N, C-alpha and C. Protein backbone atom coordinates (compact mmCIF):
# COMPACT_ATOMS: atom_id res chain seq x y z
N MET A 1 0.92 14.32 61.79
CA MET A 1 0.72 15.11 60.63
C MET A 1 2.12 15.18 59.94
N ASP A 2 3.25 15.66 60.74
CA ASP A 2 4.49 15.92 59.67
C ASP A 2 4.93 14.44 59.07
N PHE A 3 4.48 13.23 59.64
CA PHE A 3 4.86 11.73 58.76
C PHE A 3 4.04 11.78 57.73
N VAL A 4 2.80 12.10 57.52
CA VAL A 4 1.37 12.23 56.89
C VAL A 4 2.18 13.13 55.42
N ARG A 5 2.99 14.48 55.86
CA ARG A 5 3.09 15.23 54.86
C ARG A 5 4.52 14.55 53.98
N VAL A 6 5.24 13.88 55.00
CA VAL A 6 6.55 13.34 54.14
C VAL A 6 6.17 12.35 53.50
N SER A 7 5.52 11.58 54.01
CA SER A 7 4.75 10.44 53.18
C SER A 7 4.51 10.63 51.63
N PHE A 8 3.42 11.87 51.62
CA PHE A 8 2.75 12.28 50.94
C PHE A 8 3.89 12.69 49.79
N VAL A 9 4.95 13.59 50.24
CA VAL A 9 5.96 13.88 49.41
C VAL A 9 6.48 12.82 48.77
N VAL A 10 7.27 11.78 49.56
CA VAL A 10 7.85 10.45 49.18
C VAL A 10 6.82 10.20 48.32
N ILE A 11 5.87 9.71 48.41
CA ILE A 11 4.62 8.97 47.40
C ILE A 11 4.39 9.95 46.07
N VAL A 12 4.62 11.22 45.92
CA VAL A 12 4.61 11.90 44.76
C VAL A 12 5.74 11.80 44.22
N LEU A 13 6.73 11.59 44.91
CA LEU A 13 8.70 11.84 44.13
C LEU A 13 8.46 10.72 43.51
N ALA A 14 8.00 9.54 44.26
CA ALA A 14 8.33 8.04 43.56
C ALA A 14 7.20 8.10 42.31
N MET A 15 6.18 8.52 42.44
CA MET A 15 5.14 8.39 41.34
C MET A 15 5.76 8.95 40.00
N VAL A 16 6.38 10.58 40.36
CA VAL A 16 7.09 11.04 39.29
C VAL A 16 8.20 10.32 38.75
N GLY A 17 8.70 9.69 39.79
CA GLY A 17 10.26 9.09 39.28
C GLY A 17 9.62 7.77 38.32
N CYS A 18 8.64 7.49 38.37
CA CYS A 18 8.68 5.94 37.80
C CYS A 18 7.96 6.21 36.47
N ASP A 19 8.70 5.67 35.58
CA ASP A 19 8.73 6.00 33.94
C ASP A 19 7.86 4.46 33.64
N SER A 20 7.46 4.82 32.76
CA SER A 20 6.54 3.64 31.92
C SER A 20 7.54 3.19 30.80
N GLY A 21 8.66 3.58 30.35
CA GLY A 21 9.51 3.28 29.55
C GLY A 21 9.73 4.18 28.47
N PRO A 22 10.31 3.85 27.09
CA PRO A 22 10.41 4.52 26.32
C PRO A 22 8.92 4.86 25.61
N ALA A 23 8.74 6.21 25.14
CA ALA A 23 7.56 6.61 24.63
C ALA A 23 7.22 5.55 22.87
N PRO A 24 5.86 5.58 23.01
CA PRO A 24 5.93 4.41 21.66
C PRO A 24 6.06 5.39 20.30
N VAL A 25 6.70 4.76 19.26
CA VAL A 25 7.33 5.55 18.35
C VAL A 25 5.99 5.34 17.05
N ALA A 26 5.48 5.82 16.52
CA ALA A 26 4.45 5.63 15.51
C ALA A 26 5.22 5.51 13.96
N VAL A 27 4.97 4.36 13.68
CA VAL A 27 5.52 3.75 12.55
C VAL A 27 4.04 4.06 11.42
N GLU A 28 4.77 4.60 10.32
CA GLU A 28 3.95 4.70 9.28
C GLU A 28 4.14 3.76 8.15
N PRO A 29 3.36 3.17 7.63
CA PRO A 29 3.38 2.08 6.51
C PRO A 29 3.97 3.15 5.60
N PRO A 30 5.12 2.53 4.27
CA PRO A 30 5.41 3.01 3.48
C PRO A 30 4.36 3.23 2.35
N ALA A 31 4.56 4.81 1.58
CA ALA A 31 3.87 5.48 1.11
C ALA A 31 3.95 4.50 -0.22
N SER A 32 2.97 4.28 -1.18
CA SER A 32 2.83 3.85 -2.07
C SER A 32 3.22 4.51 -3.34
N SER A 33 4.05 4.23 -3.96
CA SER A 33 4.59 5.24 -5.38
C SER A 33 3.59 5.08 -6.11
N ALA A 34 3.78 6.20 -6.87
CA ALA A 34 2.97 6.77 -7.85
C ALA A 34 2.83 5.72 -8.93
N ALA A 35 3.51 5.07 -9.78
CA ALA A 35 3.36 3.94 -10.44
C ALA A 35 2.44 3.12 -10.07
N ALA A 36 2.53 2.61 -8.70
CA ALA A 36 1.49 1.94 -8.53
C ALA A 36 0.23 2.09 -8.14
N GLU A 37 0.25 3.65 -8.04
CA GLU A 37 -1.09 4.26 -8.13
C GLU A 37 -1.87 4.10 -9.45
N THR A 38 -1.00 4.88 -10.35
CA THR A 38 -1.49 4.56 -12.01
C THR A 38 -1.72 3.15 -12.09
N VAL A 39 -1.18 2.11 -12.28
CA VAL A 39 -1.50 0.71 -12.11
C VAL A 39 -3.05 0.60 -11.67
N LYS A 40 -2.90 0.65 -10.61
CA LYS A 40 -4.09 0.51 -9.92
C LYS A 40 -5.31 0.99 -10.61
N SER A 41 -5.25 2.45 -11.10
CA SER A 41 -6.29 3.56 -11.46
C SER A 41 -6.45 3.23 -12.84
N ILE A 42 -5.76 2.40 -13.83
CA ILE A 42 -5.86 1.91 -14.95
C ILE A 42 -6.62 0.54 -14.99
N LEU A 43 -6.10 -0.15 -14.03
CA LEU A 43 -7.02 -1.31 -13.79
C LEU A 43 -8.15 -1.74 -13.51
N GLN A 44 -8.52 -0.24 -12.44
CA GLN A 44 -9.74 -0.33 -12.30
C GLN A 44 -10.80 0.13 -13.46
N GLY A 45 -10.14 0.92 -14.20
CA GLY A 45 -10.97 1.68 -15.27
C GLY A 45 -11.14 0.33 -16.34
N VAL A 46 -10.19 -0.51 -16.35
CA VAL A 46 -10.37 -1.75 -17.06
C VAL A 46 -11.52 -2.64 -16.79
N SER A 47 -11.48 -3.12 -15.29
CA SER A 47 -12.33 -3.93 -14.50
C SER A 47 -13.55 -3.51 -14.50
N GLU A 48 -13.95 -1.90 -14.53
CA GLU A 48 -15.15 -1.43 -15.11
C GLU A 48 -16.13 -1.36 -16.63
N SER A 49 -15.17 -1.38 -17.47
CA SER A 49 -15.08 -1.05 -18.92
C SER A 49 -15.18 -2.29 -19.96
N GLY A 50 -13.67 -2.95 -19.40
CA GLY A 50 -13.86 -4.18 -20.14
C GLY A 50 -12.82 -4.02 -21.46
N GLU A 51 -12.63 -2.70 -21.70
CA GLU A 51 -11.52 -1.81 -22.81
C GLU A 51 -10.03 -1.38 -22.19
N LEU A 52 -8.98 -1.85 -22.42
CA LEU A 52 -7.69 -1.51 -22.27
C LEU A 52 -7.39 0.13 -23.22
N GLY A 53 -7.36 -0.45 -24.41
CA GLY A 53 -7.46 0.81 -25.34
C GLY A 53 -5.85 1.45 -25.20
N SER A 54 -6.08 2.65 -25.14
CA SER A 54 -4.60 3.61 -25.08
C SER A 54 -3.98 3.37 -24.01
N GLY A 55 -4.42 3.22 -22.75
CA GLY A 55 -3.97 2.85 -21.37
C GLY A 55 -3.45 1.90 -21.54
N ALA A 56 -3.14 1.06 -22.48
CA ALA A 56 -2.03 -0.24 -22.32
C ALA A 56 -0.44 0.39 -22.10
N GLU A 57 -0.18 1.33 -22.96
CA GLU A 57 1.20 2.14 -23.32
C GLU A 57 1.39 2.66 -21.61
N GLU A 58 0.61 3.53 -21.26
CA GLU A 58 0.77 4.28 -19.88
C GLU A 58 1.10 3.07 -19.05
N LEU A 59 0.01 1.85 -18.66
CA LEU A 59 -0.11 0.46 -17.89
C LEU A 59 1.56 0.11 -18.14
N ARG A 60 1.70 -0.22 -19.32
CA ARG A 60 3.44 -1.08 -19.51
C ARG A 60 4.33 0.22 -18.80
N GLY A 61 4.17 1.37 -19.04
CA GLY A 61 5.35 2.52 -18.35
C GLY A 61 5.15 2.17 -16.91
N ALA A 62 4.14 2.80 -16.55
CA ALA A 62 3.69 2.41 -14.90
C ALA A 62 4.47 1.08 -14.45
N LEU A 63 4.34 -0.10 -15.12
CA LEU A 63 4.63 -0.95 -14.67
C LEU A 63 6.21 -1.54 -14.64
N GLU A 64 7.06 -0.96 -15.73
CA GLU A 64 8.51 -0.94 -15.89
C GLU A 64 9.05 0.15 -14.74
N GLU A 65 8.31 1.24 -14.59
CA GLU A 65 8.84 2.05 -12.92
C GLU A 65 8.65 1.46 -12.00
N MET A 66 7.13 0.79 -11.71
CA MET A 66 7.04 0.08 -10.63
C MET A 66 8.19 -1.15 -10.32
N LYS A 67 8.98 -1.51 -11.47
CA LYS A 67 9.66 -2.45 -11.20
C LYS A 67 11.12 -2.19 -10.04
N GLN A 68 11.30 -0.70 -10.18
CA GLN A 68 12.35 -0.21 -9.08
C GLN A 68 11.93 -0.71 -7.58
N SER A 69 10.57 -0.69 -7.36
CA SER A 69 10.19 -0.43 -6.18
C SER A 69 9.98 -2.02 -5.27
N ASP A 70 9.00 -2.85 -6.63
CA ASP A 70 8.31 -4.26 -6.34
C ASP A 70 8.81 -4.78 -7.85
N SER A 71 10.05 -5.34 -7.95
CA SER A 71 10.05 -6.05 -9.20
C SER A 71 9.29 -7.39 -9.26
N ALA A 72 9.17 -8.11 -8.23
CA ALA A 72 8.41 -9.38 -8.36
C ALA A 72 7.05 -9.13 -8.81
N THR A 73 6.63 -8.40 -8.27
CA THR A 73 5.28 -8.17 -8.58
C THR A 73 4.76 -7.42 -10.03
N ALA A 74 5.91 -6.45 -10.19
CA ALA A 74 5.54 -5.49 -11.53
C ALA A 74 5.98 -6.84 -12.69
N THR A 75 6.93 -7.45 -12.13
CA THR A 75 7.29 -8.45 -13.57
C THR A 75 6.10 -9.37 -13.77
N THR A 76 5.35 -9.84 -12.69
CA THR A 76 4.18 -10.74 -12.66
C THR A 76 3.01 -9.83 -13.68
N LEU A 77 3.08 -8.38 -13.25
CA LEU A 77 2.08 -8.04 -13.78
C LEU A 77 2.14 -7.72 -15.46
N LEU A 78 3.46 -7.48 -15.65
CA LEU A 78 3.98 -7.20 -16.87
C LEU A 78 3.63 -8.79 -17.81
N ALA A 79 3.42 -9.45 -17.27
CA ALA A 79 3.32 -11.31 -18.16
C ALA A 79 1.71 -11.09 -18.10
N ASP A 80 1.16 -10.67 -17.17
CA ASP A 80 -0.39 -10.43 -17.29
C ASP A 80 -1.24 -9.42 -18.05
N LEU A 81 -0.39 -8.48 -18.28
CA LEU A 81 -0.69 -7.43 -19.31
C LEU A 81 -0.79 -7.84 -20.80
N ALA A 82 0.20 -8.80 -21.04
CA ALA A 82 0.40 -9.49 -22.40
C ALA A 82 -1.05 -10.09 -22.51
N ALA A 83 -1.69 -10.94 -21.79
CA ALA A 83 -2.68 -11.69 -21.66
C ALA A 83 -3.71 -10.63 -21.91
N LEU A 84 -3.83 -9.71 -20.83
CA LEU A 84 -4.85 -8.58 -21.07
C LEU A 84 -4.91 -7.70 -22.15
N GLU A 85 -3.98 -7.22 -22.69
CA GLU A 85 -4.08 -6.80 -24.23
C GLU A 85 -4.20 -8.00 -25.30
N SER A 86 -4.14 -9.38 -25.22
CA SER A 86 -4.50 -10.03 -26.00
C SER A 86 -6.04 -10.71 -26.25
N SER A 87 -6.53 -9.84 -24.88
CA SER A 87 -8.20 -10.43 -24.73
C SER A 87 -9.01 -9.55 -25.69
N ARG A 88 -9.70 -10.09 -26.20
CA ARG A 88 -10.72 -9.29 -27.31
C ARG A 88 -12.18 -9.35 -26.64
N ASP A 89 -12.51 -10.36 -25.41
CA ASP A 89 -13.68 -10.49 -24.84
C ASP A 89 -13.71 -9.41 -23.94
N PRO A 90 -14.29 -7.90 -23.54
CA PRO A 90 -14.80 -7.09 -22.56
C PRO A 90 -14.93 -7.71 -21.19
N ASP A 91 -15.62 -9.14 -21.18
CA ASP A 91 -15.87 -9.96 -19.77
C ASP A 91 -14.51 -10.34 -19.28
N ALA A 92 -13.84 -10.96 -20.31
CA ALA A 92 -12.41 -11.70 -20.32
C ALA A 92 -11.58 -10.64 -19.68
N ALA A 93 -11.25 -9.13 -20.19
CA ALA A 93 -10.63 -8.49 -19.72
C ALA A 93 -10.68 -7.71 -18.17
N LYS A 94 -12.27 -7.84 -18.36
CA LYS A 94 -13.04 -7.22 -16.88
C LYS A 94 -11.91 -8.34 -15.62
N ALA A 95 -12.10 -9.69 -15.94
CA ALA A 95 -11.79 -10.44 -15.25
C ALA A 95 -10.54 -10.61 -15.00
N LYS A 96 -9.40 -10.46 -16.04
CA LYS A 96 -7.96 -10.36 -15.98
C LYS A 96 -7.51 -8.95 -15.44
N ALA A 97 -8.38 -7.54 -15.50
CA ALA A 97 -7.94 -6.89 -14.93
C ALA A 97 -8.36 -6.74 -13.14
N LYS A 98 -9.28 -7.36 -12.95
CA LYS A 98 -9.88 -7.81 -11.49
C LYS A 98 -8.62 -9.03 -10.67
N GLU A 99 -8.34 -9.86 -11.47
CA GLU A 99 -7.19 -10.59 -11.16
C GLU A 99 -5.96 -9.82 -11.06
N MET A 100 -5.81 -8.90 -11.59
CA MET A 100 -4.28 -8.11 -11.58
C MET A 100 -4.47 -7.44 -10.54
N LEU A 101 -5.50 -6.57 -9.99
CA LEU A 101 -5.54 -5.99 -9.23
C LEU A 101 -5.56 -6.44 -7.75
N GLY A 102 -6.19 -7.78 -7.80
CA GLY A 102 -5.81 -8.44 -6.54
C GLY A 102 -4.00 -9.22 -6.27
N LYS A 103 -3.40 -8.74 -7.20
CA LYS A 103 -1.80 -8.96 -7.18
C LYS A 103 -1.15 -7.69 -6.49
N LEU A 104 -1.85 -6.41 -6.31
CA LEU A 104 -1.23 -5.22 -5.97
C LEU A 104 -1.11 -5.54 -4.66
C-alpha cells in the first residue's frame, strides 16, 4: 500500500515537473495603415461607379502617405492613378480600379 502511495506521488510530481516548452506567442499581423484603408475605400467606390471625380486628390494624398509604409506598392499605384485619371470610359475606370485593388 505504501508502495502504491509513493508511486502515485512520484508520478504526480513527475507529471507536474514535465513542461511542454515555452508558451506559444500570439503574433498579430501588422495593422494596415489608415492611408491604405483610404486607398482601398476610394478604389472600391470607383470599381463600382466607374467615376473617380473629386476622389482623385484624396487618393493621391493617401498614396503619398502610404509611401512611408509601402513605398513600392504606393509608387506602382501612383503610376496607375495617372492612367485611371485619364480614363474617360466608366468601364475602363472600373477595370483599372479593380486592377489597382488587386495590387493592395
